[in-house]
Amino acid sequence: MVKFYKNGNEFFLDNQKAILAEEFKNQLLYKTAIKTADLDLSNDNYNLRITKDDKILLVSNVINRPMVIVGDVELVKKLVEIIKKHKLNYQGISANYEIIAEFKKHSEDLLVFHSSLGLMLYYEKPNYQDPNIKEITKDKDQLIPLLRSFFLELNDDIRNKDFEELAETKTSYGYYIDKEIVSFITIGNVYHSYAEIGYAYTKPECRNMGYMQKLLSHVITILQKQGKDVVLLVDNDN
């Protein structure tokens, strides 16, 4: 049985016990449901529940966030069928590894896998380039303040951080608007078969405009042309 909800409030009230129960204790599910509390159901913002016998799968999605999936892995195949049937949009998944692995068995459409442990693995090759994106490693006058803002937003102690060294030792790419960097990504460790993307930041006044997605696609294209898989190190609150 599949049930769609009109908004996040209805979803939370109807599934409150399940969401708060030990087996469904998932902070991201609660946060996403709250974000959809006053949003009407659409292909971008939706909440649904799938049940079969005593099994249950809860799903919440809000635009520009990973789709959160919590519950019984045996119902994931049904979820993929529902997504295709109703043409539901999503840009990633936040779930445990069992759910992600099951999702991959039944769908090849994923761009991003996002685990509850804070790792995201890009699966699709975007082949994307943007003339507004440039390597900014040498543009320290702009990069260093952005690095400071990134760590401050994480409530990280910056007193002992050498931002000059961070700027010099990591390769960074930025999105320029009229010679101003509005968003940046830093490539972390690079290994034989994969590379990590760690620091990623967009100025608050420039968020929700798609700059970070363009940066990700651009940098991933560069790394994948070098034969690297790409792993993103992501804080669970992000």
Protein backbone atom coordinates (compact mmCIF):
# COMPACT_ATOMS: atom_id res chain seq x y z
CA MET A 1 0.00 0.00 0.00
CA VAL A 2 1.27 3.45 -0.94
CA LYS A 3 0.12 6.69 0.64
CA PHE A 4 1.09 10.17 -0.54
CA TYR A 5 0.72 13.08 1.86
CA LYS A 6 -0.48 16.59 1.11
CA ASN A 7 2.34 18.14 3.14
CA GLY A 8 4.95 17.47 5.80
CA ASN A 9 2.62 18.17 8.72
CA GLU A 10 0.23 15.42 7.68
CA PHE A 11 3.14 13.05 7.03
CA PHE A 12 4.67 13.64 10.45
CA LEU A 13 1.40 13.38 12.38
CA ASP A 14 0.39 10.17 10.63
CA ASN A 15 3.80 8.54 11.16
CA GLN A 16 4.94 10.18 14.38
CA LYS A 17 5.28 6.94 16.30
CA ALA A 18 7.24 5.29 13.51
CA ILE A 19 9.53 8.30 12.99
CA LEU A 20 10.33 8.55 16.68
CA ALA A 21 10.57 4.80 17.28
CA GLU A 22 14.03 3.35 17.83
CA GLU A 23 14.19 1.62 14.44
CA PHE A 24 13.24 4.85 12.67
CA LYS A 25 15.33 7.27 14.68
CA ASN A 26 16.67 9.35 11.81
CA GLN A 27 17.32 13.04 12.31
CA LEU A 28 17.42 13.80 8.58
CA LEU A 29 13.95 12.32 8.06
CA TYR A 30 12.54 14.59 10.74
CA LYS A 31 14.36 17.65 9.36
CA THR A 32 13.20 17.03 5.80
CA ALA A 33 9.61 16.44 6.88
CA ILE A 34 9.70 19.71 8.82
CA LYS A 35 10.98 21.55 5.73
CA THR A 36 7.97 20.27 3.76
CA ALA A 37 5.53 21.08 6.57
CA ASP A 38 3.82 23.92 4.73
CA LEU A 39 4.62 22.89 1.16
CA ASP A 40 2.01 21.39 -1.11
CA LEU A 41 2.76 18.04 -2.71
CA SER A 42 4.62 18.30 -6.01
CA ASN A 43 7.19 16.37 -8.05
CA ASP A 44 9.92 18.16 -6.08
CA ASN A 45 8.41 18.21 -2.58
CA TYR A 46 6.73 15.04 -1.41
CA ASN A 47 6.28 12.61 1.47
CA LEU A 48 5.07 9.06 1.14
CA ARG A 49 4.71 5.82 3.04
CA ILE A 50 4.90 2.30 1.64
CA THR A 51 3.58 -0.59 3.71
CA LYS A 52 3.31 -4.33 3.18
CA ASP A 53 2.24 -6.67 5.99
CA ASP A 54 4.24 -5.44 9.00
CA LYS A 55 6.91 -3.71 6.88
CA ILE A 56 7.10 0.06 6.39
CA LEU A 57 9.21 2.48 4.35
CA LEU A 58 9.06 6.24 4.91
CA VAL A 59 10.24 8.72 2.28
CA SER A 60 10.57 12.50 2.44
CA ASN A 61 11.95 14.79 -0.25
CA VAL A 62 12.35 18.54 -0.51
CA ILE A 63 13.89 20.37 -3.46
CA ASN A 64 17.69 20.90 -3.32
CA ARG A 65 18.08 18.28 -0.56
CA PRO A 66 18.75 14.53 -0.67
CA MET A 67 15.68 12.31 -0.57
CA VAL A 68 15.55 10.65 2.87
CA ILE A 69 14.56 6.97 3.00
CA VAL A 70 14.07 5.09 6.26
CA GLY A 71 12.59 1.66 6.88
CA ASP A 72 12.47 -1.83 5.43
CA VAL A 73 14.89 -2.53 2.59
CA GLU A 74 12.47 -5.03 1.01
CA LEU A 75 10.19 -2.15 -0.03
CA VAL A 76 12.87 -0.16 -1.87
CA LYS A 77 12.11 -1.82 -5.23
CA LYS A 78 8.50 -0.65 -4.90
CA LEU A 79 9.75 2.88 -4.16
CA VAL A 80 11.80 2.94 -7.37
CA GLU A 81 8.70 1.87 -9.32
CA ILE A 82 6.69 4.69 -7.71
CA ILE A 83 9.37 7.27 -8.52
CA LYS A 84 9.35 6.25 -12.18
CA LYS A 85 5.56 6.02 -12.42
CA HIS A 86 4.90 9.44 -10.87
CA LYS A 87 8.04 11.07 -12.33
CA LEU A 88 9.21 12.22 -8.91
CA ASN A 89 12.34 14.37 -8.84
CA TYR A 90 15.26 13.95 -6.46
CA GLN A 91 18.93 14.89 -6.51
CA GLY A 92 20.31 12.34 -4.10
CA ILE A 93 19.60 9.83 -1.37
CA SER A 94 20.18 9.90 2.35
CA ALA A 95 19.85 6.37 3.71
CA ASN A 96 21.81 3.50 5.17
CA TYR A 97 24.06 1.40 2.95
CA GLU A 98 21.56 -1.47 2.68
CA ILE A 99 18.87 0.81 1.25
CA ILE A 100 21.33 2.53 -1.08
CA ALA A 101 22.63 -0.81 -2.38
CA GLU A 102 19.07 -2.02 -3.01
CA PHE A 103 18.17 1.23 -4.76
CA LYS A 104 21.16 0.83 -7.07
CA LYS A 105 19.94 -2.62 -8.10
CA HIS A 106 16.73 -1.20 -9.50
CA SER A 107 17.69 2.27 -10.74
CA GLU A 108 20.50 3.69 -12.85
CA ASP A 109 19.25 7.27 -12.63
CA LEU A 110 21.05 8.28 -9.46
CA LEU A 111 23.51 11.14 -9.60
CA VAL A 112 24.42 11.10 -5.92
CA PHE A 113 24.41 8.49 -3.19
CA HIS A 114 24.35 9.96 0.30
CA SER A 115 24.78 7.66 3.28
CA SER A 116 23.87 8.41 6.86
CA LEU A 117 27.58 8.07 7.65
CA GLY A 118 28.33 11.22 5.69
CA LEU A 119 29.74 9.86 2.42
CA MET A 120 28.42 10.63 -1.04
CA LEU A 121 29.58 8.75 -4.12
CA TYR A 122 28.90 10.12 -7.59
CA TYR A 123 27.64 7.38 -9.87
CA GLU A 124 26.87 9.14 -13.14
CA LYS A 125 29.39 10.90 -15.40
CA PRO A 126 28.00 14.41 -15.91
CA ASN A 127 30.40 15.59 -18.69
CA TYR A 128 29.79 19.23 -17.77
CA GLN A 129 31.85 22.37 -18.28
CA ASP A 130 31.05 25.98 -17.39
CA PRO A 131 33.05 29.04 -18.52
CA ASN A 132 32.28 30.81 -15.22
CA ILE A 133 34.20 28.14 -13.28
CA LYS A 134 37.96 28.50 -12.88
CA GLU A 135 40.71 27.10 -10.71
CA ILE A 136 41.11 29.61 -7.88
CA THR A 137 44.06 28.19 -5.94
CA LYS A 138 46.11 31.33 -6.70
CA ASP A 139 43.25 33.76 -6.04
CA LYS A 140 44.08 33.87 -2.33
CA ASP A 141 42.56 37.29 -1.71
CA GLN A 142 39.12 35.78 -2.32
CA LEU A 143 39.75 32.13 -1.42
CA ILE A 144 41.09 32.63 2.12
CA PRO A 145 38.07 34.66 3.35
CA LEU A 146 35.79 32.00 1.86
CA LEU A 147 37.69 29.26 3.68
CA ARG A 148 37.31 31.21 6.92
CA SER A 149 33.57 31.56 6.35
CA PHE A 150 33.29 27.83 5.59
CA PHE A 151 34.87 26.79 8.89
CA LEU A 152 33.05 29.45 10.90
CA GLU A 153 29.72 28.18 9.57
CA LEU A 154 30.70 24.72 10.83
CA ASN A 155 31.33 26.27 14.26
CA ASP A 156 34.91 25.09 13.92
CA ASP A 157 37.74 26.63 15.96
CA ILE A 158 39.76 28.61 13.42
CA ARG A 159 42.39 29.99 15.79
CA ASN A 160 44.98 27.34 14.89
CA LYS A 161 44.15 26.94 11.22
CA ASP A 162 46.67 28.06 8.64
CA PHE A 163 44.41 29.27 5.83
CA GLU A 164 47.39 30.31 3.73
CA GLU A 165 48.63 26.71 3.76
CA LEU A 166 45.14 25.32 3.10
CA ALA A 167 44.80 27.58 0.07
CA GLU A 168 48.21 26.56 -1.28
CA THR A 169 48.08 22.80 -0.71
CA LYS A 170 44.54 22.10 -1.94
CA THR A 171 43.25 22.58 -5.48
CA SER A 172 40.11 24.71 -5.45
CA TYR A 173 37.60 25.75 -8.09
CA GLY A 174 35.29 28.73 -7.90
CA TYR A 175 32.20 30.03 -9.63
CA TYR A 176 32.71 33.64 -10.74
CA ILE A 177 30.03 36.29 -11.14
CA ASP A 178 31.49 39.60 -12.35
CA LYS A 179 34.99 38.66 -11.11
CA GLU A 180 33.64 37.72 -7.67
CA ILE A 181 33.79 34.13 -6.39
CA VAL A 182 30.33 33.27 -5.10
CA SER A 183 30.87 29.54 -4.54
CA PHE A 184 33.89 27.23 -4.27
CA ILE A 185 34.90 23.57 -3.99
CA THR A 186 38.20 22.14 -2.79
CA ILE A 187 39.60 18.80 -3.89
CA GLY A 188 40.98 16.89 -0.94
CA ASN A 189 43.01 13.70 -1.04
CA VAL A 190 43.59 12.12 -4.45
CA TYR A 191 44.22 8.38 -4.57
CA HIS A 192 44.92 5.89 -7.35
CA SER A 193 41.28 5.16 -8.16
CA TYR A 194 39.31 7.98 -6.54
CA ALA A 195 39.45 11.56 -5.31
CA GLU A 196 37.77 13.27 -2.36
CA ILE A 197 35.92 16.56 -2.39
CA GLY A 198 35.91 18.15 1.02
CA TYR A 199 35.37 21.89 1.40
CA ALA A 200 32.35 23.29 -0.42
CA TYR A 201 30.83 26.68 0.31
CA THR A 202 28.48 29.21 -1.26
CA LYS A 203 28.01 32.74 0.02
CA PRO A 204 24.67 32.92 1.90
CA GLU A 205 23.20 35.55 -0.40
CA CYS A 206 23.99 33.38 -3.45
CA ARG A 207 22.52 30.07 -2.28
CA ASN A 208 19.70 28.13 -3.97
CA MET A 209 20.79 29.46 -7.36
CA GLY A 210 22.42 26.27 -8.63
CA TYR A 211 26.05 27.42 -8.40
CA MET A 212 27.18 24.51 -6.22
CA GLN A 213 25.53 21.91 -8.45
CA LYS A 214 27.30 23.41 -11.48
CA LEU A 215 30.60 23.42 -9.59
CA LEU A 216 30.18 19.80 -8.55
CA SER A 217 29.36 18.68 -12.08
CA HIS A 218 32.29 20.66 -13.52
CA VAL A 219 34.86 19.35 -11.04
CA ILE A 220 33.55 15.79 -11.23
CA THR A 221 33.89 15.92 -15.02
CA ILE A 222 37.55 16.92 -14.63
CA LEU A 223 38.29 14.17 -12.11
CA GLN A 224 36.41 11.46 -13.97
CA LYS A 225 38.31 12.29 -17.17
CA GLN A 226 41.40 11.48 -15.09
CA GLY A 227 39.89 8.07 -14.33
CA LYS A 228 38.87 8.90 -10.76
CA ASP A 229 35.69 8.04 -8.95
CA VAL A 230 34.56 10.92 -6.77
CA VAL A 231 33.73 10.75 -3.08
CA LEU A 232 32.24 13.69 -1.20
CA LEU A 233 32.86 14.08 2.50
CA VAL A 234 29.64 15.57 3.85
CA ASP A 235 28.50 16.60 7.29
CA ASN A 236 25.18 14.96 8.18
CA ASP A 237 23.64 18.34 9.04
CA ASN A 238 24.38 19.67 5.58
